[in-house]
């Protein structure tokens, strides 16, 4: 029983770390996408003027 609970705890820790990394990656991607969009609009504006 103790071995099983230890394994479960390590899995839980790994899961938390992975989800945190995933959330971090998602937020980074959102920021990059927003930056790309604003940059693209600025670029288009420069080209059109």
Protein backbone atom coordinates (compact mmCIF):
# COMPACT_ATOMS: atom_id res chain seq x y z
CA UNK A 1 0.00 0.00 0.00
CA UNK A 2 2.71 2.60 0.84
CA UNK A 3 4.49 1.87 -2.44
CA UNK A 4 1.26 2.40 -4.38
CA UNK A 5 0.57 5.72 -2.65
CA UNK A 6 4.17 6.86 -3.31
CA UNK A 7 3.76 6.01 -7.00
CA UNK A 8 0.45 7.85 -7.07
CA UNK A 9 2.06 10.92 -5.45
CA UNK A 10 4.92 10.96 -7.96
CA UNK A 11 2.40 10.65 -10.82
CA UNK A 12 0.40 13.49 -9.30
CA UNK A 13 3.54 15.65 -9.02
CA UNK A 14 4.50 14.89 -12.63
CA UNK A 15 0.97 15.70 -13.74
CA UNK A 16 1.02 19.03 -11.91
CA UNK A 17 4.39 19.96 -13.40
CA UNK A 18 3.25 18.96 -16.89
CA UNK A 19 -0.01 20.91 -16.63
CA UNK A 20 1.91 23.94 -15.34
CA UNK A 21 4.33 23.70 -18.29
CA UNK A 22 1.41 23.28 -20.67
CA UNK A 23 -0.33 26.36 -19.27
CA UNK A 24 2.94 28.30 -19.52
CA UNK A 25 3.37 27.21 -23.14
CA UNK A 26 -0.22 28.17 -23.96
CA UNK A 27 0.19 31.64 -22.42
CA UNK A 28 3.49 32.11 -24.27
CA UNK A 29 1.84 31.11 -27.53
CA UNK A 30 -1.07 33.49 -26.91
CA UNK A 31 1.37 36.32 -26.24
CA UNK A 32 3.38 35.46 -29.35
CA UNK A 33 0.22 35.26 -31.44
CA UNK A 34 -1.00 38.62 -30.13
CA UNK A 35 2.42 40.11 -30.87
CA UNK A 36 2.38 38.61 -34.38
CA UNK A 37 -1.11 40.01 -35.02
CA UNK A 38 -0.21 43.52 -33.82
CA UNK A 39 3.09 43.39 -35.71
CA UNK A 40 1.33 42.17 -38.86
CA UNK A 41 -1.24 44.96 -38.64
CA UNK A 42 1.52 47.54 -38.21
CA UNK A 43 3.36 46.05 -41.18
CA UNK A 44 0.21 46.14 -43.33
CA UNK A 45 -0.43 49.71 -42.27
CA UNK A 46 3.12 50.72 -43.26
CA UNK A 47 2.73 48.99 -46.62
CA UNK A 48 -0.65 50.52 -47.40
CA UNK A 49 0.36 54.10 -46.53
